[in-house]
Amino acid sequence: MTALRLGTRRSALATTQSRWVAARLREAGHEVELVEITTEGDVSGELLTAIGGTGVFAAAIRRALLDGRIDVAVHSLKDLPTAPEPGLVVAAVPVREDSRDVLVARDGLTLGELPAGSLVGTGSPRRTAQIAALGLGIEIRPIRGNVDTRIGFVSSGALDAVVLARAGLARLGRLDEATEVIDPIQVLPAPGQGALAVECRSDRDDVATSWPPCPCSRTPTRGPASRPSALCSRRSRPDAPHPWGRSPRSSRATTASSCRCAPSPARRTARSSCAARSSGPTTSRRFSARAWP
């Protein structure tokens, strides 16, 4: 059997994610070898907004797919452009991790506890705009780099805090370094954050059909729907952490959720913990949203 060549970026997070997908492919009976690919986003030190924004991490991997140098690729879903790429197809979206952002700050501080004038690093225009809108008097500094580099800015004292995706820390086993899981009422996650996209060429039916279907889509005559596949875009178990769950201070505790097939929970309203410090006559903000599966 010819091994499937799985293309991945070289960062620790990218290879960790790709090894997880490779393990699922091996469970489906494939031999898999990882092929590391350097993208423009990996070699350039410029801000993403200056070198093309969305797609700079995916372009080189997609070219390798189209050229036949690799057979399958793993992306962070939020890094893919929304427009489809001719000749390619997203074959699977594995179970999504918690989509929220986290803060890694000095002295175990949370976003609301950082003093005015604190330096917070992020390379995301989305995070920059939303943190600024909280009116906390925080100064945002643009940064680039992998997880180690970004957290290093805090440990070295160059910055007071950085904002990262919770999913990345979870996959690297470094969640204990987060000082706060930021409630979406304060900073709304990016579309697709926490999810992976497994992509292949549209003519590779052998790869596109390698992913087991989600059992939660089965009819009762085909068996129970109690154990969705780990490669389904729906949550894998009823007690899985909910991306919108929250608890006092760090929001580490999460509420239960179920498969997307199940009825959505009732709308819930939350109050921002930073609202009292926001500028303007309004001292609180309310937000209602249907919980994400």
Protein backbone atom coordinates (compact mmCIF):
# COMPACT_ATOMS: atom_id res chain seq x y z
CA MET A 1 0.00 0.00 0.00
CA THR A 2 1.35 3.42 -0.97
CA ALA A 3 1.60 5.73 2.01
CA LEU A 4 -0.50 8.89 2.00
CA ARG A 5 1.73 11.97 2.11
CA LEU A 6 0.25 14.37 4.65
CA GLY A 7 1.42 17.96 4.28
CA THR A 8 1.88 20.10 7.37
CA ARG A 9 3.57 23.28 8.51
CA ARG A 10 6.68 22.79 10.64
CA SER A 11 5.58 24.45 13.87
CA ALA A 12 5.07 22.34 16.99
CA LEU A 13 1.33 23.04 16.94
CA ALA A 14 0.92 22.22 13.25
CA THR A 15 2.80 18.94 13.51
CA THR A 16 0.89 17.98 16.67
CA GLN A 17 -2.41 18.55 14.86
CA SER A 18 -1.21 16.67 11.79
CA ARG A 19 -0.02 13.69 13.82
CA TRP A 20 -3.48 13.46 15.37
CA VAL A 21 -5.09 13.38 11.90
CA ALA A 22 -2.46 10.88 10.71
CA ALA A 23 -3.41 8.60 13.60
CA ARG A 24 -7.07 8.72 12.52
CA LEU A 25 -6.07 7.87 8.95
CA ARG A 26 -4.03 4.91 10.16
CA GLU A 27 -7.06 3.71 12.10
CA ALA A 28 -8.91 3.79 8.77
CA GLY A 29 -6.27 1.47 7.26
CA HIS A 30 -3.90 3.94 5.56
CA GLU A 31 -0.16 4.24 5.85
CA VAL A 32 0.78 7.89 6.40
CA GLU A 33 3.98 9.88 6.23
CA LEU A 34 4.25 13.55 7.23
CA VAL A 35 5.72 16.02 4.75
CA GLU A 36 6.78 19.33 6.29
CA ILE A 37 6.16 22.41 4.16
CA THR A 38 7.39 25.95 4.77
CA THR A 39 4.79 28.64 4.08
CA GLU A 40 5.20 32.38 3.54
CA GLY A 41 3.67 33.01 6.93
CA ASP A 42 6.40 30.88 8.54
CA VAL A 43 9.40 32.66 6.99
CA SER A 44 8.19 36.26 7.03
CA GLY A 45 8.43 38.32 10.19
CA GLU A 46 5.97 40.92 8.91
CA LEU A 47 2.46 41.26 10.23
CA LEU A 48 -0.12 39.05 8.51
CA THR A 49 -2.02 42.14 7.35
CA ALA A 50 1.11 43.21 5.44
CA ILE A 51 1.74 39.90 3.66
CA GLY A 52 -1.76 38.94 2.65
CA GLY A 53 -3.73 38.04 5.78
CA THR A 54 -5.93 34.95 5.50
CA GLY A 55 -4.36 32.27 3.33
CA VAL A 56 -0.64 32.96 3.85
CA PHE A 57 -0.28 29.76 5.87
CA ALA A 58 -2.35 27.67 3.48
CA ALA A 59 -1.15 28.78 0.02
CA ALA A 60 2.09 26.75 -0.13
CA ILE A 61 0.39 23.62 1.22
CA ARG A 62 -2.42 23.96 -1.30
CA ARG A 63 0.10 24.30 -4.14
CA ALA A 64 1.77 21.09 -2.96
CA LEU A 65 -1.63 19.36 -3.06
CA LEU A 66 -2.42 20.58 -6.56
CA ASP A 67 1.10 19.69 -7.79
CA GLY A 68 0.77 16.14 -6.44
CA ARG A 69 3.65 16.48 -3.97
CA ILE A 70 1.30 15.57 -1.11
CA ASP A 71 -2.00 13.69 -0.96
CA VAL A 72 -3.73 15.30 2.01
CA ALA A 73 -3.23 18.44 4.10
CA VAL A 74 -4.21 19.64 7.56
CA HIS A 75 -5.04 23.30 8.14
CA SER A 76 -6.41 25.34 10.98
CA LEU A 77 -9.85 26.06 9.58
CA LYS A 78 -9.64 29.76 10.44
CA ASP A 79 -6.52 30.04 8.22
CA LEU A 80 -8.38 28.93 5.09
CA PRO A 81 -9.87 31.56 2.77
CA THR A 82 -13.65 31.35 2.63
CA ALA A 83 -13.68 31.04 -1.17
CA PRO A 84 -13.29 27.43 -2.41
CA GLU A 85 -10.05 26.48 -4.15
CA PRO A 86 -10.65 24.90 -7.60
CA GLY A 87 -9.48 21.29 -7.65
CA LEU A 88 -9.49 20.89 -3.87
CA VAL A 89 -12.11 19.74 -1.38
CA VAL A 90 -12.35 19.82 2.41
CA ALA A 91 -12.77 16.12 3.14
CA ALA A 92 -13.34 16.37 6.89
CA VAL A 93 -13.63 18.80 9.78
CA PRO A 94 -12.63 16.91 12.94
CA VAL A 95 -14.32 17.51 16.26
CA ARG A 96 -13.85 21.14 17.19
CA GLU A 97 -11.85 22.17 20.24
CA ASP A 98 -13.02 24.95 22.55
CA SER A 99 -13.08 28.03 20.31
CA ARG A 100 -12.37 30.70 22.90
CA ASP A 101 -9.27 32.88 23.28
CA VAL A 102 -7.07 32.77 26.37
CA LEU A 103 -4.86 35.27 28.13
CA VAL A 104 -1.34 34.38 29.26
CA ALA A 105 -0.36 37.15 31.65
CA ARG A 106 2.28 37.96 34.24
CA ASP A 107 1.53 37.28 37.88
CA GLY A 108 -1.55 35.19 37.03
CA LEU A 109 -3.59 38.27 36.10
CA THR A 110 -6.81 38.28 34.10
CA LEU A 111 -7.77 40.77 31.41
CA GLY A 112 -9.84 42.83 33.84
CA GLU A 113 -7.03 42.86 36.42
CA LEU A 114 -4.30 44.19 34.13
CA PRO A 115 -3.43 47.78 35.13
CA ALA A 116 -4.08 50.59 32.68
CA GLY A 117 -1.11 50.96 30.35
CA SER A 118 -0.30 47.24 30.36
CA LEU A 119 1.25 45.93 27.15
CA VAL A 120 -0.73 43.10 25.57
CA GLY A 121 0.56 41.32 22.47
CA THR A 122 -1.47 39.95 19.57
CA GLY A 123 -1.11 39.84 15.81
CA SER A 124 -4.86 39.66 15.24
CA PRO A 125 -6.82 42.74 14.10
CA ARG A 126 -9.94 41.04 15.49
CA ARG A 127 -8.48 40.72 18.98
CA THR A 128 -6.94 44.17 18.82
CA ALA A 129 -10.26 45.85 17.97
CA GLN A 130 -12.29 43.94 20.54
CA ILE A 131 -9.84 44.43 23.42
CA ALA A 132 -9.61 48.14 22.61
CA ALA A 133 -13.41 48.34 22.64
CA LEU A 134 -13.47 47.14 26.24
CA GLY A 135 -12.01 50.49 27.32
CA LEU A 136 -9.51 49.02 29.78
CA GLY A 137 -6.67 51.39 28.92
CA ILE A 138 -4.55 48.51 27.65
CA GLU A 139 -1.90 49.10 24.98
CA ILE A 140 -1.85 46.54 22.18
CA ARG A 141 1.48 45.57 20.64
CA PRO A 142 1.54 43.64 17.33
CA ILE A 143 3.51 40.38 17.55
CA ARG A 144 4.28 37.36 15.38
CA GLY A 145 5.66 33.92 16.14
CA ASN A 146 4.75 30.46 17.35
CA VAL A 147 3.31 29.65 20.78
CA ASP A 148 6.73 29.46 22.44
CA THR A 149 7.77 32.82 21.01
CA ARG A 150 4.56 34.56 22.07
CA ILE A 151 4.54 33.20 25.61
CA GLY A 152 8.24 34.07 25.77
CA PHE A 153 7.37 37.76 25.43
CA VAL A 154 5.56 37.48 28.77
CA SER A 155 8.12 35.37 30.62
CA SER A 156 10.92 37.72 29.51
CA GLY A 157 9.02 40.79 30.70
CA ALA A 158 8.77 42.36 27.24
CA LEU A 159 4.96 42.23 27.48
CA ASP A 160 2.49 41.98 30.34
CA ALA A 161 0.26 39.48 28.50
CA VAL A 162 -0.49 37.85 25.17
CA VAL A 163 -3.76 36.56 23.72
CA LEU A 164 -3.81 33.12 22.10
CA ALA A 165 -6.33 30.53 20.96
CA ARG A 166 -7.26 28.10 23.72
CA ALA A 167 -7.38 25.23 21.22
CA GLY A 168 -3.68 25.53 20.42
CA LEU A 169 -2.63 25.40 24.07
CA ALA A 170 -4.97 22.46 24.65
CA ARG A 171 -3.50 20.44 21.79
CA LEU A 172 0.03 21.19 23.02
CA GLY A 173 -0.85 20.24 26.59
CA ARG A 174 -0.07 23.76 27.86
CA LEU A 175 -3.44 24.93 29.14
CA ASP A 176 -2.03 25.42 32.62
CA GLU A 177 -0.08 28.43 31.30
CA ALA A 178 -3.28 30.33 30.56
CA THR A 179 -4.28 32.77 33.29
CA GLU A 180 -7.78 33.35 31.89
CA VAL A 181 -10.12 31.82 29.35
CA ILE A 182 -11.70 34.93 27.86
CA ASP A 183 -15.48 35.00 27.74
CA PRO A 184 -16.83 35.57 24.19
CA ILE A 185 -18.87 38.45 25.58
CA GLN A 186 -15.52 40.26 25.78
CA VAL A 187 -13.60 38.87 22.79
CA LEU A 188 -15.56 36.92 20.18
CA PRO A 189 -13.53 34.04 18.65
CA ALA A 190 -12.68 33.95 14.96
CA PRO A 191 -14.94 31.95 12.63
CA GLY A 192 -13.63 28.38 12.54
CA GLN A 193 -11.27 28.88 15.50
CA GLY A 194 -10.55 25.62 17.27
CA ALA A 195 -11.43 23.49 14.23
CA LEU A 196 -9.16 21.70 11.76
CA ALA A 197 -9.75 21.22 8.04
CA VAL A 198 -8.50 18.11 6.25
CA GLU A 199 -8.11 18.90 2.55
CA CYS A 200 -7.34 16.81 -0.53
CA ARG A 201 -7.69 17.01 -4.30
CA SER A 202 -11.21 16.67 -5.61
CA ASP A 203 -10.15 13.67 -7.76
CA ARG A 204 -8.91 11.69 -4.75
CA ASP A 205 -12.07 9.86 -3.77
CA ASP A 206 -9.95 7.31 -1.90
CA VAL A 207 -8.87 10.06 0.49
CA ALA A 208 -12.13 11.99 0.60
CA THR A 209 -14.07 8.88 1.64
CA SER A 210 -11.56 7.77 4.29
CA TRP A 211 -13.35 9.64 7.04
CA PRO A 212 -16.07 7.72 8.90
CA PRO A 213 -19.48 9.42 8.74
CA CYS A 214 -20.90 10.95 11.87
CA PRO A 215 -23.17 8.36 13.51
CA CYS A 216 -25.38 11.18 14.84
CA SER A 217 -26.67 11.59 11.29
CA ARG A 218 -27.89 7.99 11.15
CA THR A 219 -31.52 7.11 11.15
CA PRO A 220 -32.85 4.94 14.03
CA THR A 221 -32.91 1.91 11.75
CA ARG A 222 -29.15 2.10 11.35
CA GLY A 223 -28.33 2.07 15.03
CA PRO A 224 -28.00 4.45 17.95
CA ALA A 225 -26.44 7.89 17.65
CA SER A 226 -24.63 7.89 20.95
CA ARG A 227 -21.02 7.95 19.74
CA PRO A 228 -20.25 10.45 16.99
CA SER A 229 -16.99 9.96 15.11
CA ALA A 230 -13.90 11.86 16.23
CA LEU A 231 -13.69 13.11 12.65
CA CYS A 232 -17.16 14.59 12.68
CA SER A 233 -17.66 18.35 12.92
CA ARG A 234 -20.09 17.68 15.76
CA ARG A 235 -19.06 17.19 19.37
CA SER A 236 -17.95 13.68 20.27
CA ARG A 237 -19.82 13.25 23.55
CA PRO A 238 -22.72 14.84 25.41
CA ASP A 239 -20.52 16.12 28.24
CA ALA A 240 -17.89 17.70 25.98
CA PRO A 241 -16.79 21.24 26.95
CA HIS A 242 -18.94 23.93 25.41
CA PRO A 243 -17.05 26.77 23.66
CA TRP A 244 -19.34 29.36 25.24
CA GLY A 245 -19.22 27.96 28.77
CA ARG A 246 -18.08 30.31 31.51
CA SER A 247 -17.32 30.44 35.21
CA PRO A 248 -16.07 33.14 37.58
CA ARG A 249 -12.63 34.62 36.95
CA SER A 250 -10.94 32.20 34.54
CA SER A 251 -14.02 30.71 32.85
CA ARG A 252 -12.23 27.35 32.86
CA ALA A 253 -15.40 25.43 33.74
CA THR A 254 -17.70 24.82 30.82
CA THR A 255 -21.27 23.80 30.36
CA ALA A 256 -22.41 20.65 28.59
CA SER A 257 -23.40 20.49 24.96
CA SER A 258 -24.40 17.84 22.49
CA CYS A 259 -24.25 17.05 18.79
CA ARG A 260 -25.34 19.66 16.33
CA CYS A 261 -28.22 17.37 15.41
CA ALA A 262 -29.71 17.85 18.86
CA PRO A 263 -31.99 20.82 19.62
CA SER A 264 -30.01 23.96 20.39
CA PRO A 265 -29.99 25.08 24.02
CA ALA A 266 -32.13 28.04 24.97
CA ARG A 267 -30.66 31.44 24.36
CA ARG A 268 -28.60 32.68 27.22
CA THR A 269 -27.65 36.17 28.29
CA ALA A 270 -24.32 37.04 29.87
CA ARG A 271 -22.92 40.22 31.35
CA SER A 272 -19.38 41.39 30.62
CA SER A 273 -17.06 41.36 33.60
CA CYS A 274 -15.20 44.28 32.11
CA ALA A 275 -18.30 46.35 31.37
CA ALA A 276 -18.03 48.37 34.55
CA ARG A 277 -14.64 49.64 33.38
CA SER A 278 -15.74 50.50 29.86
CA SER A 279 -15.98 54.13 28.77
CA GLY A 280 -19.25 55.89 28.00
CA PRO A 281 -22.54 56.23 29.81
CA THR A 282 -23.48 52.57 29.54
CA THR A 283 -22.08 50.55 32.42
CA SER A 284 -23.06 47.09 31.23
CA ARG A 285 -23.50 45.30 27.95
CA ARG A 286 -25.74 42.35 27.24
CA PHE A 287 -25.24 39.68 24.66
CA SER A 288 -27.55 36.91 23.55
CA ALA A 289 -26.41 34.13 21.26
CA ARG A 290 -27.42 30.62 20.41
CA ALA A 291 -24.89 28.25 21.85
CA TRP A 292 -22.50 26.69 19.35
CA PRO A 293 -22.50 22.90 19.11
